[in-house]
Amino acid sequence: MSLDSLKSAVPDFAKDLKLNLGSVIGNSDLPAQQLWGTVLATAIASRSPIVLRELEPEAKANLSPEAYSAAKSAAAIMAMNNVFYRTRHLLSDHEYGTLRAGLRMNVIGNPGVDKVDFELWSFAVSAINGCGMCLDSHEQILRKAGMPRETIQEAFKIAAVIQAVGVTLDTEAVLAE
C-alpha cells in the first residue's frame, strides 16, 4: 500500500485532507529521513490502523533500518512522556513538577540517528498528543540546533494532516460497519 492508496481512500467530503496529504508528504522540503521518520512516527501516534498500514511500508522503504527503529522509538517514548508531562503541567498542584520523574528515557540521549531528526519526530508526536511542555522542550532544542521555524512547522503540518486523515478514515470505517 502507499500514499496514493491512502489519498484515494479519503472521502470526497474531506477533499482538503486528500490535497493536504499529497502536499505535506509529496511536496515537502524536508530531507527524506526527516520526512519519512516524521510520517512514520506520526502515523503511529495517530493510532489509526488504516493510516499506519498504508504509510508504514513506504516509510520503511525510505528509511535506513536505524532511522526506522528510531522513528518508532520516538513514537513510543513520546506516548509515555506526553501523558506524564502533560498531566504534570495540567495539575494545579505544581509540587509534582519538583518530583523526580523516575522514568527511563535513555533513547532520547542515544536514539541511533542524528539527534535533530529524533527531536523533530518527538516534536511531531507531541503535537498529536497535545503536550505543551514537550512541544516547547523539543522546539527549543531544534531551534538551538539551527533548525528554522519553517522546517519545524513542516513537522507539525504533517502531524496535523496525518491525524486528521486517521480520524476521518477510522470514522468512515466504523460508520460502514
N, C-alpha and C. Protein backbone atom coordinates (compact mmCIF):
# COMPACT_ATOMS: atom_id res chain seq x y z
N MET A 1 0.84 -1.18 0.00
CA MET A 1 0.00 0.00 0.00
C MET A 1 0.88 1.24 0.00
N SER A 2 0.22 2.41 -0.10
CA SER A 2 1.05 3.58 -0.32
C SER A 2 0.30 4.86 -0.01
N LEU A 3 1.03 5.94 -0.16
CA LEU A 3 0.44 7.27 -0.01
C LEU A 3 -0.72 7.44 -0.99
N ASP A 4 -0.55 7.00 -2.23
CA ASP A 4 -1.62 7.12 -3.22
C ASP A 4 -2.86 6.34 -2.80
N SER A 5 -2.69 5.16 -2.24
CA SER A 5 -3.82 4.36 -1.76
C SER A 5 -4.54 5.09 -0.63
N LEU A 6 -3.77 5.68 0.25
CA LEU A 6 -4.36 6.40 1.36
C LEU A 6 -5.15 7.61 0.86
N LYS A 7 -4.55 8.35 -0.06
CA LYS A 7 -5.25 9.51 -0.63
C LYS A 7 -6.55 9.09 -1.32
N SER A 8 -6.52 7.99 -2.03
CA SER A 8 -7.73 7.55 -2.73
C SER A 8 -8.81 7.08 -1.76
N ALA A 9 -8.44 6.71 -0.56
CA ALA A 9 -9.41 6.27 0.44
C ALA A 9 -10.11 7.44 1.14
N VAL A 10 -9.55 8.63 1.04
CA VAL A 10 -10.16 9.79 1.71
C VAL A 10 -11.45 10.16 0.98
N PRO A 11 -12.58 10.25 1.71
CA PRO A 11 -13.85 10.55 1.07
C PRO A 11 -13.91 11.97 0.51
N ASP A 12 -14.84 12.16 -0.41
CA ASP A 12 -14.97 13.46 -1.08
C ASP A 12 -15.22 14.61 -0.11
N PHE A 13 -15.97 14.35 0.97
CA PHE A 13 -16.25 15.45 1.90
C PHE A 13 -14.99 15.95 2.60
N ALA A 14 -13.91 15.18 2.53
CA ALA A 14 -12.64 15.56 3.15
C ALA A 14 -11.57 15.80 2.08
N LYS A 15 -11.99 16.34 0.95
CA LYS A 15 -11.08 16.58 -0.17
C LYS A 15 -9.86 17.40 0.24
N ASP A 16 -10.06 18.37 1.14
CA ASP A 16 -8.93 19.19 1.60
C ASP A 16 -7.86 18.33 2.25
N LEU A 17 -8.28 17.32 3.00
CA LEU A 17 -7.31 16.42 3.63
C LEU A 17 -6.52 15.65 2.59
N LYS A 18 -7.20 15.19 1.56
CA LYS A 18 -6.53 14.47 0.48
C LYS A 18 -5.47 15.35 -0.17
N LEU A 19 -5.84 16.59 -0.48
CA LEU A 19 -4.91 17.53 -1.10
C LEU A 19 -3.75 17.85 -0.15
N ASN A 20 -4.08 18.07 1.11
CA ASN A 20 -3.03 18.38 2.09
C ASN A 20 -2.10 17.20 2.31
N LEU A 21 -2.62 16.00 2.30
CA LEU A 21 -1.78 14.81 2.46
C LEU A 21 -0.76 14.72 1.33
N GLY A 22 -1.22 14.92 0.13
CA GLY A 22 -0.31 14.91 -1.01
C GLY A 22 0.71 16.03 -0.93
N SER A 23 0.30 17.16 -0.42
CA SER A 23 1.19 18.32 -0.33
C SER A 23 2.24 18.17 0.76
N VAL A 24 1.82 17.81 1.97
CA VAL A 24 2.78 17.78 3.08
C VAL A 24 3.78 16.64 2.96
N ILE A 25 3.40 15.58 2.27
CA ILE A 25 4.34 14.48 2.08
C ILE A 25 4.99 14.56 0.70
N GLY A 26 4.19 14.72 -0.32
CA GLY A 26 4.70 14.71 -1.68
C GLY A 26 5.50 15.93 -2.10
N ASN A 27 5.24 17.06 -1.45
CA ASN A 27 5.93 18.30 -1.82
C ASN A 27 6.77 18.87 -0.68
N SER A 28 7.12 18.04 0.27
CA SER A 28 7.87 18.51 1.43
C SER A 28 9.31 18.86 1.06
N ASP A 29 9.82 19.90 1.71
CA ASP A 29 11.22 20.27 1.56
C ASP A 29 12.13 19.57 2.57
N LEU A 30 11.54 18.77 3.45
CA LEU A 30 12.34 18.05 4.43
C LEU A 30 13.22 17.01 3.74
N PRO A 31 14.44 16.80 4.24
CA PRO A 31 15.24 15.69 3.73
C PRO A 31 14.47 14.38 3.95
N ALA A 32 14.74 13.38 3.12
CA ALA A 32 13.98 12.13 3.14
C ALA A 32 13.91 11.50 4.53
N GLN A 33 15.03 11.46 5.25
CA GLN A 33 14.99 10.83 6.57
C GLN A 33 14.09 11.60 7.54
N GLN A 34 14.17 12.91 7.53
CA GLN A 34 13.30 13.70 8.42
C GLN A 34 11.84 13.53 8.01
N LEU A 35 11.58 13.57 6.71
CA LEU A 35 10.21 13.43 6.22
C LEU A 35 9.61 12.09 6.60
N TRP A 36 10.27 11.01 6.21
CA TRP A 36 9.67 9.70 6.41
C TRP A 36 9.70 9.25 7.87
N GLY A 37 10.66 9.74 8.65
CA GLY A 37 10.64 9.49 10.08
C GLY A 37 9.47 10.20 10.73
N THR A 38 9.21 11.43 10.30
CA THR A 38 8.05 12.18 10.80
C THR A 38 6.76 11.48 10.40
N VAL A 39 6.68 11.03 9.16
CA VAL A 39 5.48 10.32 8.68
C VAL A 39 5.25 9.07 9.51
N LEU A 40 6.28 8.26 9.71
CA LEU A 40 6.11 7.02 10.47
C LEU A 40 5.75 7.29 11.92
N ALA A 41 6.48 8.18 12.57
CA ALA A 41 6.21 8.46 13.99
C ALA A 41 4.80 9.00 14.19
N THR A 42 4.35 9.88 13.30
CA THR A 42 3.01 10.45 13.46
C THR A 42 1.92 9.47 13.03
N ALA A 43 2.22 8.59 12.08
CA ALA A 43 1.25 7.55 11.74
C ALA A 43 1.02 6.64 12.94
N ILE A 44 2.09 6.31 13.64
CA ILE A 44 1.95 5.50 14.86
C ILE A 44 1.16 6.28 15.91
N ALA A 45 1.54 7.54 16.12
CA ALA A 45 0.88 8.36 17.14
C ALA A 45 -0.59 8.61 16.83
N SER A 46 -0.95 8.57 15.56
CA SER A 46 -2.36 8.80 15.19
C SER A 46 -3.27 7.68 15.68
N ARG A 47 -2.68 6.54 15.98
CA ARG A 47 -3.43 5.37 16.46
C ARG A 47 -4.42 4.84 15.42
N SER A 48 -4.23 5.21 14.17
CA SER A 48 -5.11 4.77 13.10
C SER A 48 -4.51 3.56 12.40
N PRO A 49 -5.14 2.40 12.53
CA PRO A 49 -4.62 1.23 11.83
C PRO A 49 -4.56 1.43 10.31
N ILE A 50 -5.54 2.12 9.77
CA ILE A 50 -5.58 2.34 8.33
C ILE A 50 -4.39 3.19 7.89
N VAL A 51 -4.16 4.29 8.57
CA VAL A 51 -3.05 5.19 8.21
C VAL A 51 -1.72 4.47 8.37
N LEU A 52 -1.54 3.79 9.47
CA LEU A 52 -0.27 3.09 9.70
C LEU A 52 -0.05 1.99 8.66
N ARG A 53 -1.08 1.23 8.37
CA ARG A 53 -0.96 0.15 7.39
C ARG A 53 -0.58 0.69 6.01
N GLU A 54 -1.09 1.86 5.64
CA GLU A 54 -0.83 2.42 4.33
C GLU A 54 0.53 3.12 4.24
N LEU A 55 0.94 3.80 5.30
CA LEU A 55 2.16 4.61 5.24
C LEU A 55 3.43 3.89 5.70
N GLU A 56 3.30 2.88 6.56
CA GLU A 56 4.47 2.21 7.10
C GLU A 56 5.37 1.58 6.04
N PRO A 57 4.82 0.86 5.05
CA PRO A 57 5.73 0.26 4.06
C PRO A 57 6.55 1.29 3.27
N GLU A 58 5.93 2.40 2.93
CA GLU A 58 6.66 3.44 2.19
C GLU A 58 7.70 4.11 3.09
N ALA A 59 7.34 4.32 4.35
CA ALA A 59 8.32 4.88 5.30
C ALA A 59 9.49 3.92 5.46
N LYS A 60 9.21 2.66 5.63
CA LYS A 60 10.26 1.66 5.81
C LYS A 60 11.19 1.61 4.60
N ALA A 61 10.62 1.76 3.41
CA ALA A 61 11.41 1.73 2.19
C ALA A 61 12.29 2.97 2.04
N ASN A 62 11.91 4.06 2.69
CA ASN A 62 12.65 5.32 2.56
C ASN A 62 13.57 5.62 3.74
N LEU A 63 13.59 4.73 4.73
CA LEU A 63 14.42 4.94 5.92
C LEU A 63 15.44 3.81 6.05
N SER A 64 16.59 4.15 6.61
CA SER A 64 17.55 3.11 6.97
C SER A 64 16.94 2.31 8.12
N PRO A 65 17.41 1.09 8.36
CA PRO A 65 16.90 0.33 9.50
C PRO A 65 17.04 1.10 10.82
N GLU A 66 18.14 1.85 10.96
CA GLU A 66 18.35 2.62 12.19
C GLU A 66 17.31 3.74 12.32
N ALA A 67 17.04 4.43 11.23
CA ALA A 67 16.07 5.53 11.25
C ALA A 67 14.65 4.99 11.45
N TYR A 68 14.36 3.87 10.84
CA TYR A 68 13.05 3.22 11.01
C TYR A 68 12.82 2.90 12.48
N SER A 69 13.81 2.29 13.10
CA SER A 69 13.71 1.94 14.52
C SER A 69 13.63 3.19 15.40
N ALA A 70 14.41 4.20 15.07
CA ALA A 70 14.40 5.44 15.86
C ALA A 70 13.07 6.17 15.76
N ALA A 71 12.44 6.18 14.59
CA ALA A 71 11.14 6.83 14.44
C ALA A 71 10.09 6.10 15.29
N LYS A 72 10.15 4.78 15.30
CA LYS A 72 9.25 4.00 16.15
C LYS A 72 9.54 4.27 17.62
N SER A 73 10.82 4.41 17.95
CA SER A 73 11.21 4.73 19.34
C SER A 73 10.69 6.09 19.75
N ALA A 74 10.74 7.06 18.84
CA ALA A 74 10.23 8.40 19.15
C ALA A 74 8.73 8.33 19.46
N ALA A 75 8.00 7.58 18.67
CA ALA A 75 6.56 7.44 18.92
C ALA A 75 6.31 6.76 20.27
N ALA A 76 7.10 5.75 20.57
CA ALA A 76 6.91 5.00 21.82
C ALA A 76 7.24 5.85 23.04
N ILE A 77 8.41 6.47 23.03
CA ILE A 77 8.82 7.22 24.23
C ILE A 77 7.95 8.45 24.44
N MET A 78 7.52 9.07 23.34
CA MET A 78 6.68 10.25 23.49
C MET A 78 5.25 9.87 23.90
N ALA A 79 4.80 8.66 23.58
CA ALA A 79 3.49 8.22 24.07
C ALA A 79 3.48 8.24 25.60
N MET A 80 4.59 7.85 26.19
CA MET A 80 4.73 7.88 27.65
C MET A 80 4.95 9.31 28.15
N ASN A 81 5.96 9.97 27.59
CA ASN A 81 6.32 11.30 28.08
C ASN A 81 5.20 12.32 27.92
N ASN A 82 4.48 12.25 26.82
CA ASN A 82 3.41 13.23 26.61
C ASN A 82 2.32 13.11 27.66
N VAL A 83 1.97 11.89 28.05
CA VAL A 83 0.98 11.71 29.11
C VAL A 83 1.55 12.21 30.43
N PHE A 84 2.77 11.80 30.74
CA PHE A 84 3.37 12.17 32.02
C PHE A 84 3.52 13.68 32.16
N TYR A 85 4.16 14.32 31.18
CA TYR A 85 4.45 15.75 31.31
C TYR A 85 3.21 16.62 31.10
N ARG A 86 2.29 16.17 30.27
CA ARG A 86 1.03 16.93 30.11
C ARG A 86 0.25 16.90 31.42
N THR A 87 0.21 15.74 32.07
CA THR A 87 -0.51 15.62 33.34
C THR A 87 0.15 16.49 34.41
N ARG A 88 1.46 16.42 34.48
CA ARG A 88 2.19 17.23 35.44
C ARG A 88 1.88 18.71 35.25
N HIS A 89 1.83 19.13 34.00
CA HIS A 89 1.57 20.53 33.67
C HIS A 89 0.13 20.94 34.00
N LEU A 90 -0.81 20.04 33.79
CA LEU A 90 -2.22 20.37 33.97
C LEU A 90 -2.68 20.34 35.42
N LEU A 91 -1.97 19.63 36.26
CA LEU A 91 -2.35 19.58 37.67
C LEU A 91 -2.15 20.94 38.33
N SER A 92 -3.10 21.33 39.14
CA SER A 92 -2.97 22.63 39.82
C SER A 92 -1.92 22.57 40.93
N ASP A 93 -1.59 21.38 41.42
CA ASP A 93 -0.56 21.23 42.44
C ASP A 93 0.81 21.17 41.74
N HIS A 94 1.50 22.28 41.70
CA HIS A 94 2.77 22.39 40.98
C HIS A 94 3.92 21.67 41.68
N GLU A 95 3.69 21.13 42.86
CA GLU A 95 4.71 20.36 43.56
C GLU A 95 5.11 19.12 42.76
N TYR A 96 4.19 18.60 41.93
CA TYR A 96 4.53 17.44 41.11
C TYR A 96 5.70 17.75 40.18
N GLY A 97 5.82 18.99 39.78
CA GLY A 97 6.92 19.42 38.92
C GLY A 97 8.28 19.36 39.61
N THR A 98 8.29 19.29 40.91
CA THR A 98 9.55 19.22 41.64
C THR A 98 9.99 17.78 41.91
N LEU A 99 9.09 16.84 41.67
CA LEU A 99 9.40 15.44 41.93
C LEU A 99 10.18 14.84 40.77
N ARG A 100 11.06 13.91 41.10
CA ARG A 100 11.83 13.19 40.09
C ARG A 100 10.87 12.34 39.25
N ALA A 101 11.04 12.37 37.94
CA ALA A 101 10.16 11.60 37.06
C ALA A 101 10.32 10.10 37.30
N GLY A 102 11.55 9.63 37.38
CA GLY A 102 11.78 8.21 37.63
C GLY A 102 11.38 7.31 36.48
N LEU A 103 11.36 7.85 35.28
CA LEU A 103 11.02 7.08 34.09
C LEU A 103 12.25 6.97 33.19
N ARG A 104 12.48 5.79 32.65
CA ARG A 104 13.62 5.60 31.74
C ARG A 104 13.31 6.26 30.40
N MET A 105 14.28 7.06 29.93
CA MET A 105 14.15 7.77 28.65
C MET A 105 15.50 7.78 27.94
N ASN A 106 16.26 6.72 28.07
CA ASN A 106 17.61 6.67 27.51
C ASN A 106 17.65 6.88 26.00
N VAL A 107 16.61 6.45 25.30
CA VAL A 107 16.60 6.57 23.84
C VAL A 107 16.69 8.03 23.38
N ILE A 108 16.22 8.95 24.19
CA ILE A 108 16.30 10.37 23.81
C ILE A 108 17.75 10.82 23.73
N GLY A 109 18.59 10.33 24.62
CA GLY A 109 20.00 10.70 24.63
C GLY A 109 20.83 9.95 23.59
N ASN A 110 20.36 8.78 23.18
CA ASN A 110 21.10 7.96 22.23
C ASN A 110 20.11 7.26 21.29
N PRO A 111 19.53 8.02 20.34
CA PRO A 111 18.47 7.45 19.50
C PRO A 111 18.95 6.58 18.34
N GLY A 112 20.25 6.59 18.04
CA GLY A 112 20.75 5.80 16.93
C GLY A 112 20.73 6.52 15.59
N VAL A 113 20.24 7.75 15.58
CA VAL A 113 20.24 8.61 14.39
C VAL A 113 20.64 10.02 14.84
N ASP A 114 20.78 10.92 13.88
CA ASP A 114 21.06 12.31 14.21
C ASP A 114 20.05 12.81 15.23
N LYS A 115 20.55 13.42 16.29
CA LYS A 115 19.70 13.89 17.39
C LYS A 115 18.63 14.85 16.91
N VAL A 116 18.96 15.69 15.94
CA VAL A 116 17.99 16.66 15.43
C VAL A 116 16.81 15.93 14.78
N ASP A 117 17.07 14.87 14.04
CA ASP A 117 15.98 14.12 13.42
C ASP A 117 15.07 13.53 14.49
N PHE A 118 15.67 12.93 15.50
CA PHE A 118 14.88 12.32 16.58
C PHE A 118 14.06 13.38 17.31
N GLU A 119 14.64 14.54 17.54
CA GLU A 119 13.92 15.64 18.20
C GLU A 119 12.74 16.10 17.35
N LEU A 120 12.93 16.15 16.04
CA LEU A 120 11.85 16.56 15.15
C LEU A 120 10.70 15.56 15.21
N TRP A 121 11.03 14.27 15.21
CA TRP A 121 10.00 13.24 15.29
C TRP A 121 9.28 13.28 16.64
N SER A 122 10.05 13.51 17.70
CA SER A 122 9.45 13.62 19.03
C SER A 122 8.53 14.83 19.11
N PHE A 123 8.95 15.91 18.50
CA PHE A 123 8.14 17.12 18.44
C PHE A 123 6.82 16.85 17.72
N ALA A 124 6.88 16.19 16.56
CA ALA A 124 5.68 15.92 15.77
C ALA A 124 4.71 15.01 16.53
N VAL A 125 5.23 14.00 17.21
CA VAL A 125 4.38 13.12 18.01
C VAL A 125 3.75 13.92 19.15
N SER A 126 4.50 14.81 19.75
CA SER A 126 3.97 15.65 20.84
C SER A 126 2.86 16.56 20.34
N ALA A 127 2.92 16.97 19.09
CA ALA A 127 1.85 17.79 18.51
C ALA A 127 0.55 16.98 18.47
N ILE A 128 0.64 15.74 18.04
CA ILE A 128 -0.56 14.89 18.00
C ILE A 128 -1.08 14.63 19.41
N ASN A 129 -0.18 14.38 20.34
CA ASN A 129 -0.59 14.05 21.70
C ASN A 129 -0.90 15.27 22.56
N GLY A 130 -0.66 16.46 22.05
CA GLY A 130 -1.07 17.69 22.72
C GLY A 130 -0.35 18.00 24.01
N CYS A 131 0.94 17.74 24.07
CA CYS A 131 1.70 18.06 25.27
C CYS A 131 2.50 19.34 25.07
N GLY A 132 2.02 20.42 25.65
CA GLY A 132 2.67 21.72 25.50
C GLY A 132 4.09 21.74 26.05
N MET A 133 4.31 21.09 27.19
CA MET A 133 5.65 21.08 27.77
C MET A 133 6.64 20.39 26.83
N CYS A 134 6.23 19.26 26.26
CA CYS A 134 7.11 18.53 25.35
C CYS A 134 7.31 19.30 24.05
N LEU A 135 6.25 19.92 23.55
CA LEU A 135 6.39 20.74 22.34
C LEU A 135 7.41 21.85 22.56
N ASP A 136 7.27 22.55 23.66
CA ASP A 136 8.22 23.64 23.95
C ASP A 136 9.64 23.13 24.09
N SER A 137 9.81 22.04 24.81
CA SER A 137 11.14 21.50 25.04
C SER A 137 11.81 21.08 23.73
N HIS A 138 11.09 20.32 22.91
CA HIS A 138 11.69 19.85 21.65
C HIS A 138 11.88 21.00 20.65
N GLU A 139 10.96 21.94 20.64
CA GLU A 139 11.10 23.09 19.73
C GLU A 139 12.33 23.91 20.11
N GLN A 140 12.57 24.11 21.39
CA GLN A 140 13.74 24.87 21.83
C GLN A 140 15.03 24.15 21.43
N ILE A 141 15.07 22.85 21.57
CA ILE A 141 16.26 22.08 21.18
C ILE A 141 16.49 22.21 19.67
N LEU A 142 15.42 22.09 18.90
CA LEU A 142 15.53 22.21 17.45
C LEU A 142 16.00 23.60 17.04
N ARG A 143 15.46 24.62 17.66
CA ARG A 143 15.86 26.00 17.33
C ARG A 143 17.32 26.24 17.70
N LYS A 144 17.74 25.73 18.87
CA LYS A 144 19.15 25.87 19.27
C LYS A 144 20.09 25.15 18.31
N ALA A 145 19.59 24.09 17.68
CA ALA A 145 20.39 23.35 16.70
C ALA A 145 20.40 24.05 15.34
N GLY A 146 19.70 25.17 15.24
CA GLY A 146 19.70 25.94 14.00
C GLY A 146 18.57 25.63 13.04
N MET A 147 17.61 24.83 13.46
CA MET A 147 16.50 24.49 12.56
C MET A 147 15.56 25.68 12.44
N PRO A 148 15.24 26.10 11.23
CA PRO A 148 14.34 27.23 11.05
C PRO A 148 12.89 26.89 11.41
N ARG A 149 12.14 27.89 11.78
CA ARG A 149 10.74 27.70 12.15
C ARG A 149 9.95 27.05 11.02
N GLU A 150 10.26 27.39 9.79
CA GLU A 150 9.54 26.82 8.65
C GLU A 150 9.70 25.30 8.59
N THR A 151 10.87 24.82 8.92
CA THR A 151 11.12 23.38 8.92
C THR A 151 10.37 22.71 10.07
N ILE A 152 10.39 23.34 11.21
CA ILE A 152 9.65 22.81 12.37
C ILE A 152 8.16 22.78 12.06
N GLN A 153 7.68 23.83 11.40
CA GLN A 153 6.26 23.87 11.04
C GLN A 153 5.91 22.75 10.07
N GLU A 154 6.83 22.38 9.20
CA GLU A 154 6.58 21.24 8.30
C GLU A 154 6.21 20.00 9.10
N ALA A 155 6.92 19.78 10.20
CA ALA A 155 6.67 18.59 11.02
C ALA A 155 5.28 18.62 11.63
N PHE A 156 4.85 19.78 12.14
CA PHE A 156 3.51 19.76 12.73
C PHE A 156 2.41 19.87 11.70
N LYS A 157 2.72 20.30 10.50
CA LYS A 157 1.74 20.21 9.41
C LYS A 157 1.52 18.74 9.05
N ILE A 158 2.61 17.98 8.96
CA ILE A 158 2.49 16.55 8.68
C ILE A 158 1.68 15.88 9.78
N ALA A 159 1.99 16.19 11.03
CA ALA A 159 1.26 15.61 12.17
C ALA A 159 -0.23 15.93 12.09
N ALA A 160 -0.55 17.18 11.80
CA ALA A 160 -1.96 17.60 11.74
C ALA A 160 -2.72 16.86 10.65
N VAL A 161 -2.12 16.76 9.48
CA VAL A 161 -2.79 16.12 8.36
C VAL A 161 -2.93 14.62 8.58
N ILE A 162 -1.87 13.97 9.04
CA ILE A 162 -1.95 12.53 9.28
C ILE A 162 -2.98 12.22 10.36
N GLN A 163 -3.02 13.01 11.40
CA GLN A 163 -4.02 12.81 12.45
C GLN A 163 -5.43 12.97 11.89
N ALA A 164 -5.66 14.02 11.12
CA ALA A 164 -6.99 14.27 10.57
C ALA A 164 -7.41 13.17 9.59
N VAL A 165 -6.49 12.70 8.77
CA VAL A 165 -6.80 11.61 7.84
C VAL A 165 -7.16 10.35 8.64
N GLY A 166 -6.41 10.07 9.69
CA GLY A 166 -6.71 8.90 10.52
C GLY A 166 -8.09 8.97 11.15
N VAL A 167 -8.42 10.12 11.73
CA VAL A 167 -9.74 10.29 12.34
C VAL A 167 -10.83 10.09 11.30
N THR A 168 -10.64 10.69 10.15
CA THR A 168 -11.65 10.61 9.09
C THR A 168 -11.84 9.18 8.59
N LEU A 169 -10.75 8.51 8.26
CA LEU A 169 -10.87 7.16 7.71
C LEU A 169 -11.34 6.15 8.75
N ASP A 170 -10.88 6.29 9.98
CA ASP A 170 -11.35 5.37 11.02
C ASP A 170 -12.83 5.58 11.31
N THR A 171 -13.28 6.82 11.29
CA THR A 171 -14.71 7.12 11.48
C THR A 171 -15.53 6.51 10.36
N GLU A 172 -15.08 6.67 9.13
CA GLU A 172 -15.80 6.11 8.00
C GLU A 172 -15.86 4.59 8.08
N ALA A 173 -14.79 3.97 8.54
CA ALA A 173 -14.76 2.51 8.67
C ALA A 173 -15.79 2.04 9.70
N VAL A 174 -15.89 2.77 10.80
CA VAL A 174 -16.87 2.42 11.83
C VAL A 174 -18.29 2.62 11.31
N LEU A 175 -18.53 3.72 10.63
CA LEU A 175 -19.87 4.01 10.11
C LEU A 175 -20.29 3.02 9.03
N ALA A 176 -19.32 2.43 8.34
CA ALA A 176 -19.63 1.46 7.28
C ALA A 176 -19.96 0.07 7.83
N GLU A 177 -19.69 -0.14 9.11
CA GLU A 177 -19.95 -1.48 9.71
C GLU A 177 -21.43 -1.77 9.80
